[in-house]
Amino acid sequence: MSLEPSDDPVRRRRVRSASPRTRQVVVRFSTEELDAVRSRARLAGLAVGAWIGQAATNALEAQRNAATGLPDLLRLHSDVVRTQQMALASSVDVARVEELLLRLDAVIDAVTAEVERARR
């Protein structure tokens, strides 16, 4: 069974990397999974192997970005909490600050969950 359809003239390779790609990994798929991978590769205009490689490197980059952004989010959270405390001390309406704090908490939870998932 061929891993890549031969009737797809649009397939192309990924962009060249700074260093040669000399390492390989064998990946096994069920029939349904391979059909889905082929479909996504075709939509992206990439060969199946190129699409898998791009998906893997995109996932790595997303993990790096999530882990890098967490300290910045935590510092921002601290700043918003401090702003909330100052607003409360001055009898100012803090509803907007509290709304921002809730939204920020949700983003921090999402990024933390992503970082934790990446560690497993």
N, C-alpha and C. Protein backbone atom coordinates (compact mmCIF):
# COMPACT_ATOMS: atom_id res chain seq x y z
N MET A 1 0.84 -1.18 0.00
CA MET A 1 0.00 0.00 0.00
C MET A 1 0.88 1.24 0.00
N SER A 2 0.66 2.13 -0.92
CA SER A 2 1.43 3.37 -1.02
C SER A 2 1.02 4.33 0.09
N LEU A 3 1.99 4.99 0.67
CA LEU A 3 1.70 5.94 1.74
C LEU A 3 1.24 7.29 1.22
N GLU A 4 1.56 7.60 -0.02
CA GLU A 4 1.17 8.89 -0.57
C GLU A 4 0.46 8.69 -1.89
N PRO A 5 -0.62 9.43 -2.12
CA PRO A 5 -1.34 9.28 -3.39
C PRO A 5 -0.48 9.80 -4.54
N SER A 6 -0.49 9.06 -5.65
CA SER A 6 0.34 9.45 -6.79
C SER A 6 -0.38 10.42 -7.72
N ASP A 7 -1.68 10.62 -7.53
CA ASP A 7 -2.44 11.49 -8.43
C ASP A 7 -2.55 12.92 -7.93
N ASP A 8 -1.75 13.31 -6.96
CA ASP A 8 -1.82 14.66 -6.39
C ASP A 8 -0.61 15.46 -6.85
N PRO A 9 -0.73 16.27 -7.92
CA PRO A 9 0.42 17.00 -8.45
C PRO A 9 0.82 18.22 -7.62
N VAL A 10 0.03 18.60 -6.60
CA VAL A 10 0.26 19.83 -5.85
C VAL A 10 1.27 19.63 -4.72
N ARG A 11 1.55 18.40 -4.34
CA ARG A 11 2.39 18.14 -3.18
C ARG A 11 3.75 18.82 -3.31
N ARG A 12 4.20 19.35 -2.20
CA ARG A 12 5.52 19.98 -2.19
C ARG A 12 6.20 19.72 -0.86
N ARG A 13 7.47 20.01 -0.81
CA ARG A 13 8.25 19.81 0.40
C ARG A 13 8.14 21.02 1.31
N ARG A 14 8.60 20.82 2.55
CA ARG A 14 8.66 21.94 3.49
C ARG A 14 9.77 22.89 3.09
N VAL A 15 9.76 24.07 3.68
CA VAL A 15 10.82 25.05 3.48
C VAL A 15 12.13 24.47 4.02
N ARG A 16 13.20 24.74 3.35
CA ARG A 16 14.51 24.23 3.78
C ARG A 16 14.85 24.75 5.18
N SER A 17 15.57 23.92 5.92
CA SER A 17 16.01 24.33 7.26
C SER A 17 17.47 24.77 7.18
N ALA A 18 17.92 25.43 8.22
CA ALA A 18 19.30 25.91 8.27
C ALA A 18 20.29 24.75 8.26
N SER A 19 19.91 23.64 8.88
CA SER A 19 20.78 22.46 8.88
C SER A 19 20.06 21.32 8.16
N PRO A 20 20.82 20.39 7.59
CA PRO A 20 20.18 19.31 6.84
C PRO A 20 19.31 18.43 7.74
N ARG A 21 18.21 17.97 7.19
CA ARG A 21 17.31 17.06 7.92
C ARG A 21 17.73 15.63 7.58
N THR A 22 18.52 15.04 8.46
CA THR A 22 19.06 13.70 8.18
C THR A 22 18.44 12.62 9.06
N ARG A 23 17.60 12.98 9.98
CA ARG A 23 16.99 12.02 10.91
C ARG A 23 15.58 11.66 10.46
N GLN A 24 15.18 10.41 10.76
CA GLN A 24 13.86 9.92 10.38
C GLN A 24 13.16 9.30 11.57
N VAL A 25 11.83 9.29 11.49
CA VAL A 25 11.00 8.63 12.48
C VAL A 25 9.91 7.87 11.71
N VAL A 26 9.69 6.63 12.10
CA VAL A 26 8.60 5.86 11.49
C VAL A 26 7.36 6.05 12.34
N VAL A 27 6.26 6.40 11.70
CA VAL A 27 5.00 6.64 12.39
C VAL A 27 3.97 5.69 11.81
N ARG A 28 3.20 5.04 12.69
CA ARG A 28 2.15 4.13 12.23
C ARG A 28 0.79 4.76 12.47
N PHE A 29 -0.10 4.62 11.48
CA PHE A 29 -1.44 5.17 11.57
C PHE A 29 -2.47 4.07 11.28
N SER A 30 -3.66 4.24 11.84
CA SER A 30 -4.78 3.41 11.41
C SER A 30 -5.20 3.92 10.03
N THR A 31 -6.04 3.17 9.35
CA THR A 31 -6.51 3.60 8.04
C THR A 31 -7.21 4.94 8.12
N GLU A 32 -8.04 5.12 9.14
CA GLU A 32 -8.77 6.37 9.30
C GLU A 32 -7.83 7.54 9.59
N GLU A 33 -6.84 7.30 10.45
CA GLU A 33 -5.88 8.35 10.78
C GLU A 33 -5.08 8.76 9.54
N LEU A 34 -4.63 7.76 8.77
CA LEU A 34 -3.85 8.07 7.57
C LEU A 34 -4.70 8.83 6.55
N ASP A 35 -5.96 8.45 6.42
CA ASP A 35 -6.85 9.20 5.52
C ASP A 35 -6.96 10.66 5.95
N ALA A 36 -7.09 10.88 7.25
CA ALA A 36 -7.19 12.25 7.77
C ALA A 36 -5.89 13.02 7.54
N VAL A 37 -4.76 12.37 7.76
CA VAL A 37 -3.45 13.01 7.55
C VAL A 37 -3.28 13.35 6.07
N ARG A 38 -3.63 12.42 5.20
CA ARG A 38 -3.53 12.68 3.76
C ARG A 38 -4.41 13.87 3.35
N SER A 39 -5.60 13.90 3.90
CA SER A 39 -6.52 14.99 3.58
C SER A 39 -5.96 16.33 4.01
N ARG A 40 -5.43 16.39 5.23
CA ARG A 40 -4.86 17.66 5.73
C ARG A 40 -3.63 18.06 4.92
N ALA A 41 -2.80 17.09 4.57
CA ALA A 41 -1.61 17.39 3.76
C ALA A 41 -2.03 17.94 2.40
N ARG A 42 -3.03 17.32 1.80
CA ARG A 42 -3.52 17.77 0.50
C ARG A 42 -4.04 19.20 0.60
N LEU A 43 -4.81 19.50 1.66
CA LEU A 43 -5.33 20.85 1.85
C LEU A 43 -4.21 21.88 2.01
N ALA A 44 -3.13 21.46 2.67
CA ALA A 44 -1.99 22.35 2.89
C ALA A 44 -1.09 22.45 1.66
N GLY A 45 -1.33 21.57 0.67
CA GLY A 45 -0.48 21.58 -0.52
C GLY A 45 0.88 20.96 -0.28
N LEU A 46 0.96 20.09 0.73
CA LEU A 46 2.23 19.47 1.09
C LEU A 46 2.18 17.96 0.88
N ALA A 47 3.34 17.37 0.69
CA ALA A 47 3.45 15.91 0.72
C ALA A 47 3.13 15.46 2.14
N VAL A 48 2.69 14.22 2.28
CA VAL A 48 2.31 13.72 3.60
C VAL A 48 3.46 13.85 4.60
N GLY A 49 4.65 13.42 4.22
CA GLY A 49 5.80 13.52 5.11
C GLY A 49 6.14 14.95 5.47
N ALA A 50 6.01 15.85 4.50
CA ALA A 50 6.27 17.27 4.76
C ALA A 50 5.24 17.83 5.73
N TRP A 51 3.98 17.44 5.55
CA TRP A 51 2.92 17.93 6.44
C TRP A 51 3.14 17.42 7.86
N ILE A 52 3.49 16.14 8.01
CA ILE A 52 3.75 15.59 9.34
C ILE A 52 4.92 16.32 10.01
N GLY A 53 5.98 16.55 9.26
CA GLY A 53 7.12 17.28 9.81
C GLY A 53 6.76 18.69 10.21
N GLN A 54 5.97 19.37 9.38
CA GLN A 54 5.54 20.73 9.70
C GLN A 54 4.65 20.75 10.93
N ALA A 55 3.73 19.78 11.02
CA ALA A 55 2.84 19.70 12.18
C ALA A 55 3.65 19.47 13.46
N ALA A 56 4.65 18.62 13.39
CA ALA A 56 5.48 18.34 14.57
C ALA A 56 6.27 19.57 14.99
N THR A 57 6.88 20.26 14.04
CA THR A 57 7.66 21.45 14.40
C THR A 57 6.76 22.59 14.86
N ASN A 58 5.55 22.70 14.30
CA ASN A 58 4.59 23.70 14.78
C ASN A 58 4.19 23.43 16.22
N ALA A 59 3.99 22.16 16.55
CA ALA A 59 3.63 21.80 17.93
C ALA A 59 4.76 22.15 18.89
N LEU A 60 6.00 21.90 18.49
CA LEU A 60 7.14 22.26 19.34
C LEU A 60 7.21 23.76 19.57
N GLU A 61 7.00 24.52 18.52
CA GLU A 61 7.05 25.98 18.64
C GLU A 61 5.93 26.50 19.54
N ALA A 62 4.76 25.92 19.41
CA ALA A 62 3.63 26.32 20.26
C ALA A 62 3.94 26.05 21.73
N GLN A 63 4.58 24.93 22.02
CA GLN A 63 4.95 24.62 23.40
C GLN A 63 5.97 25.62 23.93
N ARG A 64 6.94 25.96 23.10
CA ARG A 64 7.95 26.94 23.52
C ARG A 64 7.30 28.29 23.82
N ASN A 65 6.41 28.71 22.94
CA ASN A 65 5.75 30.00 23.13
C ASN A 65 4.87 30.02 24.36
N ALA A 66 4.17 28.93 24.63
CA ALA A 66 3.30 28.87 25.81
C ALA A 66 4.15 28.95 27.08
N ALA A 67 5.24 28.21 27.12
CA ALA A 67 6.09 28.21 28.30
C ALA A 67 6.77 29.56 28.49
N THR A 68 7.12 30.21 27.41
CA THR A 68 7.78 31.51 27.48
C THR A 68 6.81 32.59 27.96
N GLY A 69 5.56 32.52 27.54
CA GLY A 69 4.60 33.55 27.88
C GLY A 69 4.07 33.48 29.29
N LEU A 70 4.19 32.35 29.95
CA LEU A 70 3.62 32.19 31.28
C LEU A 70 4.19 33.18 32.30
N PRO A 71 5.50 33.36 32.41
CA PRO A 71 6.00 34.34 33.38
C PRO A 71 5.47 35.75 33.13
N ASP A 72 5.35 36.13 31.85
CA ASP A 72 4.79 37.46 31.53
C ASP A 72 3.34 37.56 31.98
N LEU A 73 2.57 36.50 31.77
CA LEU A 73 1.17 36.50 32.22
C LEU A 73 1.08 36.61 33.74
N LEU A 74 1.95 35.92 34.44
CA LEU A 74 1.93 35.97 35.90
C LEU A 74 2.29 37.35 36.42
N ARG A 75 3.27 38.00 35.78
CA ARG A 75 3.62 39.38 36.17
C ARG A 75 2.45 40.32 35.91
N LEU A 76 1.80 40.16 34.76
CA LEU A 76 0.64 40.98 34.44
C LEU A 76 -0.48 40.75 35.44
N HIS A 77 -0.68 39.51 35.82
CA HIS A 77 -1.70 39.18 36.83
C HIS A 77 -1.40 39.92 38.12
N SER A 78 -0.15 39.91 38.54
CA SER A 78 0.25 40.61 39.76
C SER A 78 -0.04 42.11 39.65
N ASP A 79 0.25 42.69 38.49
CA ASP A 79 -0.02 44.11 38.27
C ASP A 79 -1.51 44.42 38.34
N VAL A 80 -2.34 43.56 37.77
CA VAL A 80 -3.78 43.78 37.79
C VAL A 80 -4.31 43.65 39.22
N VAL A 81 -3.80 42.68 39.97
CA VAL A 81 -4.23 42.52 41.37
C VAL A 81 -3.85 43.77 42.17
N ARG A 82 -2.65 44.29 41.95
CA ARG A 82 -2.21 45.50 42.64
C ARG A 82 -3.11 46.68 42.27
N THR A 83 -3.47 46.78 40.98
CA THR A 83 -4.37 47.83 40.54
C THR A 83 -5.74 47.69 41.19
N GLN A 84 -6.22 46.46 41.28
CA GLN A 84 -7.50 46.20 41.94
C GLN A 84 -7.45 46.64 43.41
N GLN A 85 -6.37 46.34 44.09
CA GLN A 85 -6.23 46.71 45.50
C GLN A 85 -6.20 48.23 45.67
N MET A 86 -5.52 48.93 44.77
CA MET A 86 -5.48 50.40 44.85
C MET A 86 -6.86 50.99 44.57
N ALA A 87 -7.58 50.39 43.60
CA ALA A 87 -8.92 50.89 43.29
C ALA A 87 -9.85 50.68 44.47
N LEU A 88 -9.75 49.54 45.13
CA LEU A 88 -10.58 49.28 46.31
C LEU A 88 -10.27 50.26 47.44
N ALA A 89 -9.01 50.56 47.61
CA ALA A 89 -8.59 51.46 48.69
C ALA A 89 -9.06 52.89 48.43
N SER A 90 -9.26 53.25 47.18
CA SER A 90 -9.67 54.62 46.87
C SER A 90 -11.17 54.73 46.59
N SER A 91 -11.93 53.70 46.89
CA SER A 91 -13.38 53.68 46.70
C SER A 91 -13.81 53.90 45.25
N VAL A 92 -13.00 53.45 44.31
CA VAL A 92 -13.32 53.53 42.88
C VAL A 92 -14.05 52.24 42.49
N ASP A 93 -14.95 52.34 41.51
CA ASP A 93 -15.66 51.16 41.01
C ASP A 93 -14.64 50.21 40.36
N VAL A 94 -14.53 49.03 40.89
CA VAL A 94 -13.51 48.08 40.43
C VAL A 94 -14.08 46.98 39.54
N ALA A 95 -15.32 47.14 39.08
CA ALA A 95 -15.95 46.09 38.28
C ALA A 95 -15.13 45.77 37.03
N ARG A 96 -14.65 46.79 36.34
CA ARG A 96 -13.85 46.55 35.11
C ARG A 96 -12.54 45.86 35.44
N VAL A 97 -11.88 46.26 36.51
CA VAL A 97 -10.63 45.64 36.92
C VAL A 97 -10.87 44.17 37.27
N GLU A 98 -11.96 43.90 37.98
CA GLU A 98 -12.28 42.52 38.35
C GLU A 98 -12.60 41.68 37.12
N GLU A 99 -13.27 42.28 36.13
CA GLU A 99 -13.55 41.57 34.88
C GLU A 99 -12.24 41.21 34.17
N LEU A 100 -11.32 42.17 34.10
CA LEU A 100 -10.01 41.90 33.49
C LEU A 100 -9.26 40.81 34.25
N LEU A 101 -9.36 40.85 35.55
CA LEU A 101 -8.68 39.85 36.37
C LEU A 101 -9.24 38.46 36.10
N LEU A 102 -10.55 38.34 35.95
CA LEU A 102 -11.16 37.05 35.65
C LEU A 102 -10.72 36.54 34.27
N ARG A 103 -10.69 37.43 33.31
CA ARG A 103 -10.23 37.04 31.97
C ARG A 103 -8.77 36.62 31.99
N LEU A 104 -7.96 37.36 32.71
CA LEU A 104 -6.55 37.04 32.83
C LEU A 104 -6.35 35.70 33.52
N ASP A 105 -7.11 35.43 34.56
CA ASP A 105 -7.05 34.13 35.24
C ASP A 105 -7.37 32.99 34.28
N ALA A 106 -8.36 33.19 33.42
CA ALA A 106 -8.74 32.16 32.45
C ALA A 106 -7.61 31.88 31.47
N VAL A 107 -6.94 32.94 31.01
CA VAL A 107 -5.81 32.77 30.09
C VAL A 107 -4.66 32.07 30.79
N ILE A 108 -4.36 32.46 32.01
CA ILE A 108 -3.28 31.81 32.76
C ILE A 108 -3.59 30.33 32.96
N ASP A 109 -4.84 30.01 33.29
CA ASP A 109 -5.22 28.60 33.44
C ASP A 109 -5.03 27.82 32.15
N ALA A 110 -5.40 28.42 31.02
CA ALA A 110 -5.26 27.75 29.73
C ALA A 110 -3.79 27.52 29.38
N VAL A 111 -2.96 28.53 29.59
CA VAL A 111 -1.53 28.40 29.28
C VAL A 111 -0.88 27.38 30.22
N THR A 112 -1.24 27.41 31.49
CA THR A 112 -0.69 26.46 32.44
C THR A 112 -1.08 25.03 32.06
N ALA A 113 -2.33 24.83 31.67
CA ALA A 113 -2.78 23.50 31.25
C ALA A 113 -2.00 23.03 30.02
N GLU A 114 -1.74 23.94 29.08
CA GLU A 114 -0.98 23.60 27.89
C GLU A 114 0.45 23.22 28.25
N VAL A 115 1.07 23.97 29.14
CA VAL A 115 2.43 23.65 29.57
C VAL A 115 2.47 22.30 30.27
N GLU A 116 1.51 22.05 31.14
CA GLU A 116 1.44 20.76 31.84
C GLU A 116 1.23 19.61 30.86
N ARG A 117 0.37 19.82 29.88
CA ARG A 117 0.12 18.78 28.88
C ARG A 117 1.39 18.50 28.08
N ALA A 118 2.14 19.54 27.77
CA ALA A 118 3.38 19.39 27.00
C ALA A 118 4.44 18.62 27.78
N ARG A 119 4.41 18.72 29.10
CA ARG A 119 5.40 18.03 29.93
C ARG A 119 5.15 16.53 29.99
N ARG A 120 3.92 16.10 29.76
CA ARG A 120 3.58 14.68 29.87
C ARG A 120 4.01 13.90 28.70
